[in-house]
Amino acid sequence: MNQDILFSDIQAWDAVRQAVNFPAQQAGALITCWVSLEWLQVRSDKSLQDEADILAQFSAYRFDLEELAEEMIEDECFDDNGDVVIG
């Protein structure tokens, strides 16, 4: 794990975007990371309907998501907004 990239324990469901966002920080820069509802449903093999279930599944996969986000940050795989998007 790259210690230059830090993740906090903050996450939030965005119903409009249908994704959970979680922040990362690299060299003082804040990077918003996103994981889609679809990604969480495929990995968990569950239909997630409410925010509590979605965030619970996010928590269950948090370590894997942070690893994926870290790889994407290192490879500079950002979208047009400078965000990392998983799924």
Protein backbone atom coordinates (compact mmCIF):
# COMPACT_ATOMS: atom_id res chain seq x y z
CA MET A 1 0.00 0.00 0.00
CA ASN A 2 1.33 3.41 -0.99
CA GLN A 3 1.63 5.51 2.14
CA ASP A 4 1.59 8.70 0.06
CA ILE A 5 -2.12 8.09 -0.59
CA LEU A 6 -4.37 8.35 2.44
CA PHE A 7 -8.03 7.40 2.79
CA SER A 8 -10.32 8.67 5.52
CA ASP A 9 -13.27 6.80 7.01
CA ILE A 10 -15.71 9.14 5.28
CA GLN A 11 -18.17 7.90 2.68
CA ALA A 12 -21.46 9.22 1.34
CA TRP A 13 -24.20 7.88 -0.90
CA ASP A 14 -25.12 10.06 -3.89
CA ALA A 15 -28.61 9.04 -5.06
CA VAL A 16 -28.42 11.18 -8.21
CA ARG A 17 -25.13 9.66 -9.32
CA GLN A 18 -26.06 6.19 -7.96
CA ALA A 19 -22.63 5.86 -6.40
CA VAL A 20 -20.79 6.11 -3.10
CA ASN A 21 -18.03 8.70 -2.84
CA PHE A 22 -15.03 8.45 -0.57
CA PRO A 23 -12.08 10.84 -0.36
CA ALA A 24 -8.40 10.15 -0.84
CA GLN A 25 -5.52 12.49 -0.29
CA GLN A 26 -2.23 12.49 -2.19
CA ALA A 27 0.48 15.09 -1.55
CA GLY A 28 -2.11 17.36 0.05
CA ALA A 29 -4.51 17.14 -2.90
CA LEU A 30 -8.03 15.89 -2.18
CA ILE A 31 -9.25 13.31 -4.71
CA THR A 32 -12.88 12.24 -4.78
CA CYS A 33 -13.27 8.52 -5.46
CA TRP A 34 -16.53 6.94 -6.57
CA VAL A 35 -17.83 3.38 -6.68
CA SER A 36 -21.01 2.69 -8.57
CA LEU A 37 -24.04 0.98 -7.11
CA GLU A 38 -23.76 -1.52 -9.95
CA TRP A 39 -20.19 -2.47 -8.90
CA LEU A 40 -21.34 -3.03 -5.30
CA GLN A 41 -24.35 -5.11 -6.41
CA VAL A 42 -22.29 -7.30 -8.75
CA ARG A 43 -19.59 -7.95 -6.12
CA SER A 44 -22.07 -8.68 -3.34
CA ASP A 45 -24.51 -10.56 -5.59
CA LYS A 46 -27.31 -8.60 -3.89
CA SER A 47 -29.88 -6.08 -5.01
CA LEU A 48 -29.17 -3.09 -2.79
CA GLN A 49 -32.18 -0.86 -2.30
CA ASP A 50 -31.60 1.56 0.55
CA GLU A 51 -28.74 3.76 1.67
CA ALA A 52 -27.98 1.71 4.80
CA ASP A 53 -27.55 -1.50 2.77
CA ILE A 54 -25.46 0.27 0.14
CA LEU A 55 -23.12 1.79 2.72
CA ALA A 56 -22.87 -1.55 4.55
CA GLN A 57 -21.74 -3.22 1.33
CA PHE A 58 -19.31 -0.37 0.70
CA SER A 59 -17.83 -0.99 4.16
CA ALA A 60 -17.55 -4.72 3.45
CA TYR A 61 -15.50 -3.98 0.30
CA ARG A 62 -13.70 -0.88 1.56
CA PHE A 63 -10.22 -2.43 1.63
CA ASP A 64 -10.58 -3.73 -1.94
CA LEU A 65 -11.99 -0.39 -3.10
CA GLU A 66 -9.13 1.55 -1.53
CA GLU A 67 -6.65 -0.77 -3.27
CA LEU A 68 -8.37 -0.23 -6.63
CA ALA A 69 -8.56 3.53 -6.11
CA GLU A 70 -4.90 3.63 -5.10
CA GLU A 71 -3.89 1.83 -8.30
CA MET A 72 -6.01 4.19 -10.38
CA ILE A 73 -4.49 7.25 -8.66
CA GLU A 74 -0.96 5.94 -9.21
CA ASP A 75 -1.80 5.29 -12.89
CA GLU A 76 -3.46 8.73 -13.13
CA CYS A 77 -6.79 7.24 -14.24
CA PHE A 78 -8.93 10.28 -13.51
CA ASP A 79 -12.18 11.34 -15.18
CA ASP A 80 -12.72 14.81 -16.62
CA ASN A 81 -13.44 16.17 -13.13
CA GLY A 82 -10.24 14.75 -11.66
CA ASP A 83 -12.15 12.02 -9.82
CA VAL A 84 -11.45 8.30 -9.65
CA VAL A 85 -14.44 6.23 -10.77
CA ILE A 86 -14.71 2.50 -10.03
CA GLY A 87 -17.38 0.68 -11.98
